[in-house]
């Protein structure tokens, strides 16, 4: 009986974490799309860059935590994506890129994979 209750709590916790991740991606995508419309020199672009950077730093830290139960290859792949996105954000900041489209596309694909 105790084992069954514990498993339900773990399952509920995992579901809540996934829902939070989906919400974070939804917010990031919303912000990135607004930034794409308003352009690089907009406040929306700065806010989107800051939010997405922080989100991926958080995810990468979580993925490198020894308690993370994801398969090692999946963790490595997600970390690589996160590093790519952080680099793309930096390219936007430095004026080396002028579009959020690729970041939006990748973010949507990851979010959709969580659903």
PDB file of N, CA and C in Angstrom:
ATOM      1  N   UNK A   1       0.816  -1.183   0.000  1.00  0.00           N
ATOM      2  CA  UNK A   1       0.000   0.000   0.000  1.00  0.00           C
ATOM      3  C   UNK A   1       0.868   1.259   0.000  1.00  0.00           C
ATOM      4  N   UNK A   2       1.873   1.297   0.861  1.00  0.00           N
ATOM      5  CA  UNK A   2       2.772   2.441   0.906  1.00  0.00           C
ATOM      6  C   UNK A   2       3.473   2.619  -0.428  1.00  0.00           C
ATOM      7  N   UNK A   3       3.936   1.521  -1.007  1.00  0.00           N
ATOM      8  CA  UNK A   3       4.637   1.574  -2.288  1.00  0.00           C
ATOM      9  C   UNK A   3       3.743   2.176  -3.369  1.00  0.00           C
ATOM     10  N   UNK A   4       2.498   1.777  -3.389  1.00  0.00           N
ATOM     11  CA  UNK A   4       1.557   2.303  -4.377  1.00  0.00           C
ATOM     12  C   UNK A   4       1.359   3.798  -4.190  1.00  0.00           C
ATOM     13  N   UNK A   5       1.205   4.259  -2.968  1.00  0.00           N
ATOM     14  CA  UNK A   5       1.024   5.691  -2.702  1.00  0.00           C
ATOM     15  C   UNK A   5       2.255   6.479  -3.102  1.00  0.00           C
ATOM     16  N   UNK A   6       3.420   5.959  -2.796  1.00  0.00           N
ATOM     17  CA  UNK A   6       4.668   6.633  -3.163  1.00  0.00           C
ATOM     18  C   UNK A   6       4.763   6.776  -4.674  1.00  0.00           C
ATOM     19  N   UNK A   7       4.453   5.706  -5.399  1.00  0.00           N
ATOM     20  CA  UNK A   7       4.529   5.744  -6.856  1.00  0.00           C
ATOM     21  C   UNK A   7       3.561   6.773  -7.418  1.00  0.00           C
ATOM     22  N   UNK A   8       2.383   6.911  -6.832  1.00  0.00           N
ATOM     23  CA  UNK A   8       1.423   7.921  -7.282  1.00  0.00           C
ATOM     24  C   UNK A   8       1.974   9.327  -7.082  1.00  0.00           C
ATOM     25  N   UNK A   9       2.644   9.557  -5.959  1.00  0.00           N
ATOM     26  CA  UNK A   9       3.242  10.864  -5.687  1.00  0.00           C
ATOM     27  C   UNK A   9       4.347  11.152  -6.701  1.00  0.00           C
ATOM     28  N   UNK A  10       5.176  10.167  -6.983  1.00  0.00           N
ATOM     29  CA  UNK A  10       6.250  10.336  -7.952  1.00  0.00           C
ATOM     30  C   UNK A  10       5.666  10.634  -9.331  1.00  0.00           C
ATOM     31  N   UNK A  11       4.650   9.885  -9.726  1.00  0.00           N
ATOM     32  CA  UNK A  11       4.018  10.110 -11.026  1.00  0.00           C
ATOM     33  C   UNK A  11       3.398  11.496 -11.100  1.00  0.00           C
ATOM     34  N   UNK A  12       2.716  11.917 -10.040  1.00  0.00           N
ATOM     35  CA  UNK A  12       2.117  13.249 -10.001  1.00  0.00           C
ATOM     36  C   UNK A  12       3.182  14.327 -10.072  1.00  0.00           C
ATOM     37  N   UNK A  13       4.296  14.119  -9.373  1.00  0.00           N
ATOM     38  CA  UNK A  13       5.382  15.085  -9.366  1.00  0.00           C
ATOM     39  C   UNK A  13       5.995  15.215 -10.758  1.00  0.00           C
ATOM     40  N   UNK A  14       6.205  14.095 -11.430  1.00  0.00           N
ATOM     41  CA  UNK A  14       6.770  14.116 -12.783  1.00  0.00           C
ATOM     42  C   UNK A  14       5.829  14.827 -13.749  1.00  0.00           C
ATOM     43  N   UNK A  15       4.536  14.571 -13.604  1.00  0.00           N
ATOM     44  CA  UNK A  15       3.552  15.220 -14.473  1.00  0.00           C
ATOM     45  C   UNK A  15       3.555  16.733 -14.226  1.00  0.00           C
ATOM     46  N   UNK A  16       3.638  17.146 -12.969  1.00  0.00           N
ATOM     47  CA  UNK A  16       3.661  18.575 -12.645  1.00  0.00           C
ATOM     48  C   UNK A  16       4.920  19.232 -13.204  1.00  0.00           C
ATOM     49  N   UNK A  17       6.053  18.550 -13.110  1.00  0.00           N
ATOM     50  CA  UNK A  17       7.298  19.086 -13.657  1.00  0.00           C
ATOM     51  C   UNK A  17       7.189  19.255 -15.168  1.00  0.00           C
ATOM     52  N   UNK A  18       6.629  18.267 -15.836  1.00  0.00           N
ATOM     53  CA  UNK A  18       6.477  18.348 -17.296  1.00  0.00           C
ATOM     54  C   UNK A  18       5.544  19.495 -17.663  1.00  0.00           C
ATOM     55  N   UNK A  19       4.463  19.673 -16.920  1.00  0.00           N
ATOM     56  CA  UNK A  19       3.540  20.785 -17.181  1.00  0.00           C
ATOM     57  C   UNK A  19       4.249  22.124 -16.993  1.00  0.00           C
ATOM     58  N   UNK A  20       5.087  22.224 -15.975  1.00  0.00           N
ATOM     59  CA  UNK A  20       5.861  23.452 -15.758  1.00  0.00           C
ATOM     60  C   UNK A  20       6.831  23.709 -16.905  1.00  0.00           C
ATOM     61  N   UNK A  21       7.451  22.653 -17.405  1.00  0.00           N
ATOM     62  CA  UNK A  21       8.368  22.802 -18.532  1.00  0.00           C
ATOM     63  C   UNK A  21       7.621  23.267 -19.777  1.00  0.00           C
ATOM     64  N   UNK A  22       6.445  22.693 -20.020  1.00  0.00           N
ATOM     65  CA  UNK A  22       5.635  23.109 -21.174  1.00  0.00           C
ATOM     66  C   UNK A  22       5.253  24.579 -21.031  1.00  0.00           C
ATOM     67  N   UNK A  23       4.853  24.980 -19.823  1.00  0.00           N
ATOM     68  CA  UNK A  23       4.491  26.385 -19.602  1.00  0.00           C
ATOM     69  C   UNK A  23       5.687  27.305 -19.832  1.00  0.00           C
ATOM     70  N   UNK A  24       6.871  26.886 -19.410  1.00  0.00           N
ATOM     71  CA  UNK A  24       8.071  27.694 -19.620  1.00  0.00           C
ATOM     72  C   UNK A  24       8.357  27.837 -21.118  1.00  0.00           C
ATOM     73  N   UNK A  25       8.235  26.744 -21.852  1.00  0.00           N
ATOM     74  CA  UNK A  25       8.445  26.821 -23.301  1.00  0.00           C
ATOM     75  C   UNK A  25       7.375  27.664 -23.975  1.00  0.00           C
ATOM     76  N   UNK A  26       6.122  27.523 -23.534  1.00  0.00           N
ATOM     77  CA  UNK A  26       5.055  28.362 -24.092  1.00  0.00           C
ATOM     78  C   UNK A  26       5.372  29.837 -23.897  1.00  0.00           C
ATOM     79  N   UNK A  27       5.806  30.189 -22.699  1.00  0.00           N
ATOM     80  CA  UNK A  27       6.142  31.588 -22.405  1.00  0.00           C
ATOM     81  C   UNK A  27       7.331  32.044 -23.250  1.00  0.00           C
ATOM     82  N   UNK A  28       8.346  31.202 -23.344  1.00  0.00           N
ATOM     83  CA  UNK A  28       9.520  31.554 -24.142  1.00  0.00           C
ATOM     84  C   UNK A  28       9.140  31.768 -25.609  1.00  0.00           C
ATOM     85  N   UNK A  29       8.328  30.876 -26.145  1.00  0.00           N
ATOM     86  CA  UNK A  29       7.912  30.988 -27.546  1.00  0.00           C
ATOM     87  C   UNK A  29       7.107  32.259 -27.757  1.00  0.00           C
ATOM     88  N   UNK A  30       6.203  32.538 -26.842  1.00  0.00           N
ATOM     89  CA  UNK A  30       5.405  33.766 -26.918  1.00  0.00           C
ATOM     90  C   UNK A  30       6.309  34.998 -26.940  1.00  0.00           C
ATOM     91  N   UNK A  31       7.289  35.015 -26.066  1.00  0.00           N
ATOM     92  CA  UNK A  31       8.208  36.146 -25.990  1.00  0.00           C
ATOM     93  C   UNK A  31       9.077  36.245 -27.244  1.00  0.00           C
ATOM     94  N   UNK A  32       9.556  35.104 -27.734  1.00  0.00           N
ATOM     95  CA  UNK A  32      10.389  35.092 -28.933  1.00  0.00           C
ATOM     96  C   UNK A  32       9.610  35.563 -30.159  1.00  0.00           C
ATOM     97  N   UNK A  33       8.355  35.151 -30.261  1.00  0.00           N
ATOM     98  CA  UNK A  33       7.539  35.584 -31.395  1.00  0.00           C
ATOM     99  C   UNK A  33       7.281  37.091 -31.339  1.00  0.00           C
ATOM    100  N   UNK A  34       7.056  37.621 -30.139  1.00  0.00           N
ATOM    101  CA  UNK A  34       6.886  39.074 -30.002  1.00  0.00           C
ATOM    102  C   UNK A  34       8.175  39.793 -30.377  1.00  0.00           C
ATOM    103  N   UNK A  35       9.295  39.228 -29.961  1.00  0.00           N
ATOM    104  CA  UNK A  35      10.597  39.829 -30.291  1.00  0.00           C
ATOM    105  C   UNK A  35      10.846  39.798 -31.792  1.00  0.00           C
ATOM    106  N   UNK A  36      10.474  38.703 -32.440  1.00  0.00           N
ATOM    107  CA  UNK A  36      10.652  38.596 -33.887  1.00  0.00           C
ATOM    108  C   UNK A  36       9.835  39.671 -34.607  1.00  0.00           C
ATOM    109  N   UNK A  37       8.623  39.906 -34.128  1.00  0.00           N
ATOM    110  CA  UNK A  37       7.771  40.927 -34.748  1.00  0.00           C
ATOM    111  C   UNK A  37       8.282  42.346 -34.511  1.00  0.00           C
ATOM    112  N   UNK A  38       8.773  42.585 -33.301  1.00  0.00           N
ATOM    113  CA  UNK A  38       9.178  43.945 -32.935  1.00  0.00           C
ATOM    114  C   UNK A  38      10.614  44.267 -33.322  1.00  0.00           C
ATOM    115  N   UNK A  39      11.409  43.256 -33.588  1.00  0.00           N
ATOM    116  CA  UNK A  39      12.778  43.480 -34.027  1.00  0.00           C
ATOM    117  C   UNK A  39      13.801  43.427 -32.912  1.00  0.00           C
ATOM    118  N   UNK A  40      15.036  43.269 -33.317  1.00  0.00           N
ATOM    119  CA  UNK A  40      16.161  43.107 -32.388  1.00  0.00           C
ATOM    120  C   UNK A  40      16.332  44.284 -31.425  1.00  0.00           C
ATOM    121  N   UNK A  41      16.186  45.518 -31.875  1.00  0.00           N
ATOM    122  CA  UNK A  41      16.437  46.620 -30.938  1.00  0.00           C
ATOM    123  C   UNK A  41      15.247  46.939 -30.024  1.00  0.00           C
ATOM    124  N   UNK A  42      14.333  46.005 -29.856  1.00  0.00           N
ATOM    125  CA  UNK A  42      13.143  46.270 -29.035  1.00  0.00           C
ATOM    126  C   UNK A  42      13.315  45.752 -27.605  1.00  0.00           C
ATOM    127  N   UNK A  43      12.505  46.280 -26.718  1.00  0.00           N
ATOM    128  CA  UNK A  43      12.489  45.789 -25.338  1.00  0.00           C
ATOM    129  C   UNK A  43      12.029  44.334 -25.318  1.00  0.00           C
ATOM    130  N   UNK A  44      11.073  43.995 -26.177  1.00  0.00           N
ATOM    131  CA  UNK A  44      10.597  42.617 -26.252  1.00  0.00           C
ATOM    132  C   UNK A  44      11.740  41.662 -26.579  1.00  0.00           C
ATOM    133  N   UNK A  45      12.652  42.072 -27.448  1.00  0.00           N
ATOM    134  CA  UNK A  45      13.787  41.227 -27.811  1.00  0.00           C
ATOM    135  C   UNK A  45      14.724  41.023 -26.620  1.00  0.00           C
ATOM    136  N   UNK A  46      14.994  42.092 -25.897  1.00  0.00           N
ATOM    137  CA  UNK A  46      15.870  41.994 -24.721  1.00  0.00           C
ATOM    138  C   UNK A  46      15.245  41.081 -23.678  1.00  0.00           C
ATOM    139  N   UNK A  47      13.949  41.258 -23.430  1.00  0.00           N
ATOM    140  CA  UNK A  47      13.263  40.425 -22.439  1.00  0.00           C
ATOM    141  C   UNK A  47      13.234  38.960 -22.865  1.00  0.00           C
ATOM    142  N   UNK A  48      12.990  38.707 -24.151  1.00  0.00           N
ATOM    143  CA  UNK A  48      12.975  37.330 -24.650  1.00  0.00           C
ATOM    144  C   UNK A  48      14.352  36.691 -24.514  1.00  0.00           C
ATOM    145  N   UNK A  49      15.381  37.428 -24.885  1.00  0.00           N
ATOM    146  CA  UNK A  49      16.742  36.901 -24.788  1.00  0.00           C
ATOM    147  C   UNK A  49      17.084  36.554 -23.340  1.00  0.00           C
ATOM    148  N   UNK A  50      16.747  37.447 -22.432  1.00  0.00           N
ATOM    149  CA  UNK A  50      17.042  37.220 -21.018  1.00  0.00           C
ATOM    150  C   UNK A  50      16.288  36.004 -20.493  1.00  0.00           C
ATOM    151  N   UNK A  51      14.983  35.907 -20.804  1.00  0.00           N
ATOM    152  CA  UNK A  51      14.170  34.803 -20.320  1.00  0.00           C
ATOM    153  C   UNK A  51      14.663  33.469 -20.867  1.00  0.00           C
ATOM    154  N   UNK A  52      14.890  33.401 -22.165  1.00  0.00           N
ATOM    155  CA  UNK A  52      15.307  32.143 -22.793  1.00  0.00           C
ATOM    156  C   UNK A  52      16.691  31.719 -22.286  1.00  0.00           C
ATOM    157  N   UNK A  53      17.577  32.670 -22.134  1.00  0.00           N
ATOM    158  CA  UNK A  53      18.908  32.354 -21.595  1.00  0.00           C
ATOM    159  C   UNK A  53      18.786  31.757 -20.197  1.00  0.00           C
ATOM    160  N   UNK A  54      18.041  32.406 -19.339  1.00  0.00           N
ATOM    161  CA  UNK A  54      17.860  31.901 -17.964  1.00  0.00           C
ATOM    162  C   UNK A  54      17.189  30.535 -17.952  1.00  0.00           C
ATOM    163  N   UNK A  55      16.177  30.356 -18.797  1.00  0.00           N
ATOM    164  CA  UNK A  55      15.467  29.083 -18.850  1.00  0.00           C
ATOM    165  C   UNK A  55      16.418  27.952 -19.214  1.00  0.00           C
ATOM    166  N   UNK A  56      17.265  28.176 -20.242  1.00  0.00           N
ATOM    167  CA  UNK A  56      18.173  27.123 -20.666  1.00  0.00           C
ATOM    168  C   UNK A  56      19.292  26.887 -19.670  1.00  0.00           C
ATOM    169  N   UNK A  57      19.751  27.905 -18.991  1.00  0.00           N
ATOM    170  CA  UNK A  57      20.751  27.696 -17.933  1.00  0.00           C
ATOM    171  C   UNK A  57      20.153  26.798 -16.854  1.00  0.00           C
ATOM    172  N   UNK A  58      18.906  27.072 -16.483  1.00  0.00           N
ATOM    173  CA  UNK A  58      18.220  26.234 -15.492  1.00  0.00           C
ATOM    174  C   UNK A  58      18.110  24.792 -15.985  1.00  0.00           C
ATOM    175  N   UNK A  59      17.650  24.600 -17.232  1.00  0.00           N
ATOM    176  CA  UNK A  59      17.495  23.251 -17.772  1.00  0.00           C
ATOM    177  C   UNK A  59      18.838  22.521 -17.839  1.00  0.00           C
ATOM    178  N   UNK A  60      19.880  23.194 -18.273  1.00  0.00           N
ATOM    179  CA  UNK A  60      21.194  22.553 -18.365  1.00  0.00           C
ATOM    180  C   UNK A  60      21.685  22.149 -16.980  1.00  0.00           C
ATOM    181  N   UNK A  61      21.496  23.021 -15.997  1.00  0.00           N
ATOM    182  CA  UNK A  61      21.889  22.658 -14.634  1.00  0.00           C
ATOM    183  C   UNK A  61      21.117  21.432 -14.164  1.00  0.00           C
ATOM    184  N   UNK A  62      19.827  21.375 -14.469  1.00  0.00           N
ATOM    185  CA  UNK A  62      19.017  20.221 -14.080  1.00  0.00           C
ATOM    186  C   UNK A  62      19.481  18.957 -14.800  1.00  0.00           C
ATOM    187  N   UNK A  63      19.795  19.095 -16.070  1.00  0.00           N
ATOM    188  CA  UNK A  63      20.227  17.934 -16.843  1.00  0.00           C
ATOM    189  C   UNK A  63      21.573  17.389 -16.383  1.00  0.00           C
ATOM    190  N   UNK A  64      22.412  18.225 -15.822  1.00  0.00           N
ATOM    191  CA  UNK A  64      23.723  17.773 -15.350  1.00  0.00           C
ATOM    192  C   UNK A  64      23.683  17.274 -13.906  1.00  0.00           C
ATOM    193  N   UNK A  65      22.562  17.447 -13.241  1.00  0.00           N
ATOM    194  CA  UNK A  65      22.411  16.970 -11.867  1.00  0.00           C
ATOM    195  C   UNK A  65      22.392  15.440 -11.866  1.00  0.00           C
ATOM    196  N   UNK A  66      23.137  14.852 -10.969  1.00  0.00           N
ATOM    197  CA  UNK A  66      23.227  13.388 -10.918  1.00  0.00           C
ATOM    198  C   UNK A  66      21.887  12.723 -10.608  1.00  0.00           C
ATOM    199  N   UNK A  67      20.944  13.465 -10.048  1.00  0.00           N
ATOM    200  CA  UNK A  67      19.624  12.904  -9.744  1.00  0.00           C
ATOM    201  C   UNK A  67      18.689  12.904 -10.954  1.00  0.00           C
ATOM    202  N   UNK A  68      19.112  13.530 -12.038  1.00  0.00           N
ATOM    203  CA  UNK A  68      18.288  13.544 -13.242  1.00  0.00           C
ATOM    204  C   UNK A  68      18.248  12.133 -13.819  1.00  0.00           C
ATOM    205  N   UNK A  69      17.040  11.634 -14.072  1.00  0.00           N
ATOM    206  CA  UNK A  69      16.881  10.234 -14.464  1.00  0.00           C
ATOM    207  C   UNK A  69      16.835  10.013 -15.973  1.00  0.00           C
ATOM    208  N   UNK A  70      16.961  11.069 -16.756  1.00  0.00           N
ATOM    209  CA  UNK A  70      16.950  10.902 -18.205  1.00  0.00           C
ATOM    210  C   UNK A  70      18.128  10.048 -18.651  1.00  0.00           C
ATOM    211  N   UNK A  71      17.951   9.370 -19.754  1.00  0.00           N
ATOM    212  CA  UNK A  71      19.000   8.612 -20.403  1.00  0.00           C
ATOM    213  C   UNK A  71      20.171   9.551 -20.723  1.00  0.00           C
ATOM    214  N   UNK A  72      21.388   9.061 -20.589  1.00  0.00           N
ATOM    215  CA  UNK A  72      22.579   9.896 -20.811  1.00  0.00           C
ATOM    216  C   UNK A  72      22.604  10.530 -22.199  1.00  0.00           C
ATOM    217  N   UNK A  73      22.201   9.789 -23.223  1.00  0.00           N
ATOM    218  CA  UNK A  73      22.212  10.330 -24.581  1.00  0.00           C
ATOM    219  C   UNK A  73      21.189  11.458 -24.718  1.00  0.00           C
ATOM    220  N   UNK A  74      20.005  11.272 -24.133  1.00  0.00           N
ATOM    221  CA  UNK A  74      18.990  12.326 -24.184  1.00  0.00           C
ATOM    222  C   UNK A  74      19.485  13.568 -23.460  1.00  0.00           C
ATOM    223  N   UNK A  75      20.106  13.378 -22.299  1.00  0.00           N
ATOM    224  CA  UNK A  75      20.656  14.521 -21.564  1.00  0.00           C
ATOM    225  C   UNK A  75      21.694  15.250 -22.414  1.00  0.00           C
ATOM    226  N   UNK A  76      22.586  14.499 -23.030  1.00  0.00           N
ATOM    227  CA  UNK A  76      23.632  15.116 -23.860  1.00  0.00           C
ATOM    228  C   UNK A  76      23.023  15.877 -25.027  1.00  0.00           C
ATOM    229  N   UNK A  77      22.009  15.285 -25.653  1.00  0.00           N
ATOM    230  CA  UNK A  77      21.358  15.954 -26.785  1.00  0.00           C
ATOM    231  C   UNK A  77      20.677  17.249 -26.351  1.00  0.00           C
ATOM    232  N   UNK A  78      19.964  17.201 -25.228  1.00  0.00           N
ATOM    233  CA  UNK A  78      19.276  18.404 -24.744  1.00  0.00           C
ATOM    234  C   UNK A  78      20.266  19.486 -24.307  1.00  0.00           C
ATOM    235  N   UNK A  79      21.352  19.076 -23.686  1.00  0.00           N
ATOM    236  CA  UNK A  79      22.385  20.037 -23.294  1.00  0.00           C
ATOM    237  C   UNK A  79      22.972  20.693 -24.545  1.00  0.00           C
ATOM    238  N   UNK A  80      23.205  19.910 -25.586  1.00  0.00           N
ATOM    239  CA  UNK A  80      23.726  20.471 -26.841  1.00  0.00           C
ATOM    240  C   UNK A  80      22.762  21.485 -27.440  1.00  0.00           C
ATOM    241  N   UNK A  81      21.478  21.169 -27.412  1.00  0.00           N
ATOM    242  CA  UNK A  81      20.470  22.106 -27.915  1.00  0.00           C
ATOM    243  C   UNK A  81      20.486  23.380 -27.079  1.00  0.00           C
ATOM    244  N   UNK A  82      20.545  23.212 -25.766  1.00  0.00           N
ATOM    245  CA  UNK A  82      20.580  24.381 -24.885  1.00  0.00           C
ATOM    246  C   UNK A  82      21.782  25.265 -25.130  1.00  0.00           C
ATOM    247  N   UNK A  83      22.926  24.668 -25.311  1.00  0.00           N
ATOM    248  CA  UNK A  83      24.138  25.440 -25.592  1.00  0.00           C
ATOM    249  C   UNK A  83      23.998  26.159 -26.929  1.00  0.00           C
ATOM    250  N   UNK A  84      23.439  25.479 -27.928  1.00  0.00           N
ATOM    251  CA  UNK A  84      23.216  26.120 -29.225  1.00  0.00           C
ATOM    252  C   UNK A  84      22.295  27.333 -29.084  1.00  0.00           C
ATOM    253  N   UNK A  85      21.204  27.167 -28.335  1.00  0.00           N
ATOM    254  CA  UNK A  85      20.264  28.287 -28.163  1.00  0.00           C
ATOM    255  C   UNK A  85      20.937  29.443 -27.431  1.00  0.00           C
ATOM    256  N   UNK A  86      21.687  29.151 -26.391  1.00  0.00           N
ATOM    257  CA  UNK A  86      22.393  30.214 -25.660  1.00  0.00           C
ATOM    258  C   UNK A  86      23.367  30.928 -26.593  1.00  0.00           C
ATOM    259  N   UNK A  87      24.057  30.197 -27.443  1.00  0.00           N
ATOM    260  CA  UNK A  87      24.975  30.814 -28.413  1.00  0.00           C
ATOM    261  C   UNK A  87      24.219  31.667 -29.426  1.00  0.00           C
ATOM    262  N   UNK A  88      23.058  31.186 -29.866  1.00  0.00           N
ATOM    263  CA  UNK A  88      22.244  31.970 -30.802  1.00  0.00           C
ATOM    264  C   UNK A  88      21.741  33.261 -30.157  1.00  0.00           C
ATOM    265  N   UNK A  89      21.368  33.181 -28.893  1.00  0.00           N
ATOM    266  CA  UNK A  89      20.951  34.383 -28.155  1.00  0.00           C
ATOM    267  C   UNK A  89      22.116  35.372 -28.120  1.00  0.00           C
ATOM    268  N   UNK A  90      23.293  34.879 -27.859  1.00  0.00           N
ATOM    269  CA  UNK A  90      24.473  35.749 -27.825  1.00  0.00           C
ATOM    270  C   UNK A  90      24.752  36.353 -29.202  1.00  0.00           C
ATOM    271  N   UNK A  91      24.574  35.575 -30.255  1.00  0.00           N
ATOM    272  CA  UNK A  91      24.759  36.109 -31.610  1.00  0.00           C
ATOM    273  C   UNK A  91      23.770  37.239 -31.886  1.00  0.00           C
ATOM    274  N   UNK A  92      22.542  37.090 -31.408  1.00  0.00           N
ATOM    275  CA  UNK A  92      21.549  38.157 -31.561  1.00  0.00           C
ATOM    276  C   UNK A  92      21.993  39.408 -30.813  1.00  0.00           C
ATOM    277  N   UNK A  93      22.486  39.224 -29.597  1.00  0.00           N
ATOM    278  CA  UNK A  93      22.949  40.359 -28.785  1.00  0.00           C
ATOM    279  C   UNK A  93      24.114  41.083 -29.447  1.00  0.00           C
ATOM    280  N   UNK A  94      24.970  40.314 -30.089  1.00  0.00           N
ATOM    281  CA  UNK A  94      26.170  40.889 -30.709  1.00  0.00           C
ATOM    282  C   UNK A  94      25.892  41.452 -32.102  1.00  0.00           C
ATOM    283  N   UNK A  95      24.674  41.310 -32.581  1.00  0.00           N
ATOM    284  CA  UNK A  95      24.335  41.805 -33.906  1.00  0.00           C
ATOM    285  C   UNK A  95      24.792  40.892 -35.031  1.00  0.00           C
ATOM    286  N   UNK A  96      25.157  39.660 -34.711  1.00  0.00           N
ATOM    287  CA  UNK A  96      25.623  38.709 -35.714  1.00  0.00           C
ATOM    288  C   UNK A  96      24.460  37.956 -36.358  1.00  0.00           C
ATOM    289  N   UNK A  97      23.276  38.093 -35.796  1.00  0.00           N
ATOM    290  CA  UNK A  97      22.069  37.469 -36.315  1.00  0.00           C
ATOM    291  C   UNK A  97      20.940  38.479 -36.166  1.00  0.00           C
ATOM    292  N   UNK A  98      19.908  38.325 -36.989  1.00  0.00           N
ATOM    293  CA  UNK A  98      18.816  39.296 -36.922  1.00  0.00           C
ATOM    294  C   UNK A  98      17.436  38.642 -36.880  1.00  0.00           C
ATOM    295  N   UNK A  99      17.400  37.358 -36.512  1.00  0.00           N
ATOM    296  CA  UNK A  99      16.116  36.661 -36.490  1.00  0.00           C
ATOM    297  C   UNK A  99      16.054  35.640 -35.351  1.00  0.00           C
ATOM    298  N   UNK A 100      14.878  35.548 -34.773  1.00  0.00           N
ATOM    299  CA  UNK A 100      14.614  34.566 -33.721  1.00  0.00           C
ATOM    300  C   UNK A 100      13.992  33.290 -34.289  1.00  0.00           C
ATOM    301  N   UNK A 101      13.795  33.234 -35.589  1.00  0.00           N
ATOM    302  CA  UNK A 101      13.028  32.147 -36.203  1.00  0.00           C
ATOM    303  C   UNK A 101      13.566  30.757 -35.887  1.00  0.00           C
ATOM    304  N   UNK A 102      14.868  30.561 -35.961  1.00  0.00           N
ATOM    305  CA  UNK A 102      15.430  29.231 -35.685  1.00  0.00           C
ATOM    306  C   UNK A 102      15.229  28.840 -34.221  1.00  0.00           C
ATOM    307  N   UNK A 103      15.414  29.785 -33.330  1.00  0.00           N
ATOM    308  CA  UNK A 103      15.219  29.507 -31.902  1.00  0.00           C
ATOM    309  C   UNK A 103      13.754  29.182 -31.636  1.00  0.00           C
ATOM    310  N   UNK A 104      12.860  29.905 -32.278  1.00  0.00           N
ATOM    311  CA  UNK A 104      11.423  29.640 -32.130  1.00  0.00           C
ATOM    312  C   UNK A 104      11.096  28.236 -32.622  1.00  0.00           C
ATOM    313  N   UNK A 105      11.617  27.879 -33.776  1.00  0.00           N
ATOM    314  CA  UNK A 105      11.343  26.571 -34.365  1.00  0.00           C
ATOM    315  C   UNK A 105      11.823  25.431 -33.466  1.00  0.00           C
ATOM    316  N   UNK A 106      13.033  25.540 -32.976  1.00  0.00           N
ATOM    317  CA  UNK A 106      13.590  24.504 -32.098  1.00  0.00           C
ATOM    318  C   UNK A 106      12.813  24.454 -30.786  1.00  0.00           C
ATOM    319  N   UNK A 107      12.457  25.612 -30.250  1.00  0.00           N
ATOM    320  CA  UNK A 107      11.706  25.665 -28.993  1.00  0.00           C
ATOM    321  C   UNK A 107      10.333  25.007 -29.150  1.00  0.00           C
ATOM    322  N   UNK A 108       9.692  25.245 -30.279  1.00  0.00           N
ATOM    323  CA  UNK A 108       8.388  24.601 -30.533  1.00  0.00           C
ATOM    324  C   UNK A 108       8.526  23.093 -30.636  1.00  0.00           C
ATOM    325  N   UNK A 109       9.570  22.631 -31.288  1.00  0.00           N
ATOM    326  CA  UNK A 109       9.781  21.190 -31.429  1.00  0.00           C
ATOM    327  C   UNK A 109       9.995  20.525 -30.065  1.00  0.00           C
ATOM    328  N   UNK A 110      10.762  21.156 -29.215  1.00  0.00           N
ATOM    329  CA  UNK A 110      11.002  20.607 -27.889  1.00  0.00           C
ATOM    330  C   UNK A 110       9.719  20.638 -27.064  1.00  0.00           C
ATOM    331  N   UNK A 111       9.029  21.769 -27.099  1.00  0.00           N
ATOM    332  CA  UNK A 111       7.772  21.877 -26.367  1.00  0.00           C
ATOM    333  C   UNK A 111       6.774  20.815 -26.826  1.00  0.00           C
ATOM    334  N   UNK A 112       6.663  20.645 -28.132  1.00  0.00           N
ATOM    335  CA  UNK A 112       5.732  19.651 -28.665  1.00  0.00           C
ATOM    336  C   UNK A 112       6.115  18.239 -28.246  1.00  0.00           C
ATOM    337  N   UNK A 113       7.409  17.995 -28.087  1.00  0.00           N
ATOM    338  CA  UNK A 113       7.872  16.694 -27.616  1.00  0.00           C
ATOM    339  C   UNK A 113       7.516  16.433 -26.163  1.00  0.00           C
ATOM    340  N   UNK A 114       7.274  17.479 -25.411  1.00  0.00           N
ATOM    341  CA  UNK A 114       6.886  17.343 -24.012  1.00  0.00           C
ATOM    342  C   UNK A 114       5.398  17.037 -23.845  1.00  0.00           C
ATOM    343  N   UNK A 115       4.638  17.345 -24.881  1.00  0.00           N
ATOM    344  CA  UNK A 115       3.172  17.175 -24.793  1.00  0.00           C
ATOM    345  C   UNK A 115       2.745  15.720 -24.908  1.00  0.00           C
TER     346      UNK A 115
END
